[in-house]
Protein backbone atom coordinates (compact mmCIF):
# COMPACT_ATOMS: atom_id res chain seq x y z
CA MET A 1 -5.47 -15.92 -15.60
CA SER A 2 -8.72 -17.73 -16.22
CA SER A 3 -11.80 -16.02 -17.65
CA SER A 4 -13.48 -16.56 -14.14
CA THR A 5 -10.88 -14.37 -12.46
CA MET A 6 -12.36 -11.33 -11.04
CA LYS A 7 -10.83 -7.94 -11.84
CA PHE A 8 -11.44 -4.79 -9.91
CA ASN A 9 -13.00 -1.82 -11.59
CA GLY A 10 -13.69 1.29 -9.69
CA TYR A 11 -12.30 3.81 -7.11
CA LEU A 12 -9.52 2.69 -4.68
CA ARG A 13 -8.92 4.45 -1.55
CA VAL A 14 -6.05 3.11 0.61
CA ARG A 15 -5.25 4.65 3.93
CA ILE A 16 -1.59 3.83 5.38
CA GLY A 17 -1.63 3.71 9.03
CA GLU A 18 1.58 2.34 10.25
CA ALA A 19 4.30 -0.33 9.65
CA VAL A 20 5.46 -2.33 12.70
CA GLY A 21 8.33 -4.80 13.00
CA LEU A 22 10.44 -3.56 10.24
CA GLN A 23 14.03 -4.94 10.35
CA PRO A 24 17.06 -3.28 8.83
CA THR A 25 18.32 -5.20 5.83
CA ARG A 26 21.66 -6.88 5.39
CA TRP A 27 22.70 -4.17 2.91
CA SER A 28 21.58 -1.38 5.13
CA LEU A 29 23.88 -3.00 8.02
CA ARG A 30 27.01 -3.29 5.96
CA HIS A 31 28.72 -0.34 7.19
CA SER A 32 26.93 -0.40 10.71
CA ILE A 33 28.75 -0.69 14.00
CA PHE A 34 25.37 -1.66 15.56
CA LYS A 35 24.10 -5.13 16.24
CA LYS A 36 21.56 -6.57 13.79
CA GLY A 37 18.02 -5.38 14.63
CA TYR A 38 19.23 -2.24 16.40
CA GLN A 39 19.76 0.14 13.51
CA LEU A 40 16.80 2.45 12.71
CA LEU A 41 15.51 2.74 9.27
CA ASP A 42 14.44 5.81 7.48
CA PRO A 43 11.28 4.00 5.77
CA TYR A 44 8.64 5.15 3.29
CA LEU A 45 5.89 3.11 1.78
CA THR A 46 4.75 2.68 -1.89
CA VAL A 47 1.30 1.78 -3.07
CA SER A 48 1.17 0.10 -6.62
CA VAL A 49 -1.69 -1.34 -8.39
CA ASP A 50 -0.48 -3.92 -11.00
CA GLN A 51 2.99 -2.58 -10.76
CA VAL A 52 1.91 0.99 -11.42
CA ARG A 53 2.81 3.14 -8.55
CA VAL A 54 -0.20 5.22 -7.23
CA GLY A 55 1.25 6.70 -4.32
CA GLN A 56 4.26 7.20 -2.00
CA THR A 57 4.29 8.12 1.76
CA SER A 58 6.44 10.44 3.34
CA THR A 59 9.72 9.27 4.66
CA LYS A 60 10.02 8.93 8.48
CA GLN A 61 13.27 9.20 10.18
CA LYS A 62 15.09 6.69 12.47
CA THR A 63 12.27 4.21 13.12
CA ASN A 64 11.28 0.63 12.68
CA LYS A 65 7.76 1.25 13.49
CA PRO A 66 6.62 4.59 11.38
CA THR A 67 3.18 5.98 11.62
CA TYR A 68 2.10 7.64 8.32
CA ASN A 69 -1.69 8.23 8.43
CA GLU A 70 -1.76 9.07 4.91
CA GLU A 71 -4.38 8.27 2.08
CA PHE A 72 -4.07 7.47 -1.41
CA CYS A 73 -7.04 7.35 -4.19
CA ALA A 74 -6.94 6.01 -7.77
CA ASN A 75 -9.35 5.01 -10.34
CA VAL A 76 -8.53 1.41 -11.33
CA THR A 77 -9.62 -0.28 -14.38
CA ASP A 78 -9.21 -4.28 -14.54
CA GLY A 79 -7.02 -4.35 -11.47
CA GLY A 80 -5.45 -7.55 -10.58
CA HIS A 81 -3.44 -6.80 -7.51
CA LEU A 82 -2.43 -4.07 -4.89
CA GLU A 83 1.18 -4.06 -3.62
CA LEU A 84 2.52 -2.29 -0.52
CA ALA A 85 6.35 -1.94 -0.44
CA VAL A 86 8.56 -0.49 2.20
CA PHE A 87 11.94 0.93 1.35
CA HIS A 88 14.82 2.41 3.37
CA GLU A 89 15.84 5.68 1.87
CA THR A 90 19.44 6.35 1.36
CA PRO A 91 21.37 9.56 0.73
CA LEU A 92 23.14 8.05 -2.15
CA GLY A 93 22.43 5.54 -4.76
CA TYR A 94 19.30 3.39 -4.83
CA ASP A 95 17.02 3.03 -1.88
CA HIS A 96 16.77 -0.44 -0.01
CA PHE A 97 13.86 -2.77 -0.26
CA VAL A 98 12.75 -3.75 3.16
CA ALA A 99 9.46 -5.58 2.80
CA ASN A 100 6.39 -5.89 0.67
CA CYS A 101 2.73 -7.15 0.93
CA THR A 102 0.57 -7.98 -2.24
CA LEU A 103 -3.11 -8.24 -1.98
CA GLN A 104 -5.11 -9.83 -4.77
CA PHE A 105 -8.23 -7.77 -5.64
CA GLN A 106 -10.13 -11.05 -6.44
CA GLU A 107 -9.58 -12.16 -2.80
CA LEU A 108 -10.84 -8.71 -1.44
CA LEU A 109 -13.83 -9.01 -3.51
CA ARG A 110 -14.63 -12.34 -2.42
CA THR A 111 -14.28 -11.27 1.16
CA ALA A 112 -16.71 -8.21 0.59
CA GLY A 113 -19.30 -10.60 -0.60
CA THR A 114 -22.24 -8.62 -2.12
CA SER A 115 -21.07 -5.48 -0.63
CA ASP A 116 -19.81 -2.61 -2.90
CA THR A 117 -17.07 -1.68 -0.57
CA PHE A 118 -14.29 -3.51 1.24
CA GLU A 119 -12.87 -2.39 4.50
CA GLY A 120 -9.88 -4.15 6.17
CA TRP A 121 -6.46 -3.79 7.57
CA VAL A 122 -3.18 -5.91 6.79
């Protein structure tokens, strides 16, 4: 990273509202008798700053459009990016990765301009 790269230092508050358009993974469909796209997930979402988990939502059962309305807060020093990742909870073994989104703090800070806060949705 160049020396001109902005890092985030401060208090982070993230509110997870909902996820829409989630699709079952090929792995989660391997034993399914349902057609692709018809299987419902048991999704939860993780919130990480620079690969350090700062929060995890509750698991919502049998839905591809979960509503969470959960909030997570963390003090961040030299933050580079925020990652939101969705997983399908499984009863045995590892949970299945479904989707993710990475937001660069530099872009959020640029969008905020001279403001001390950024509010937006993804």
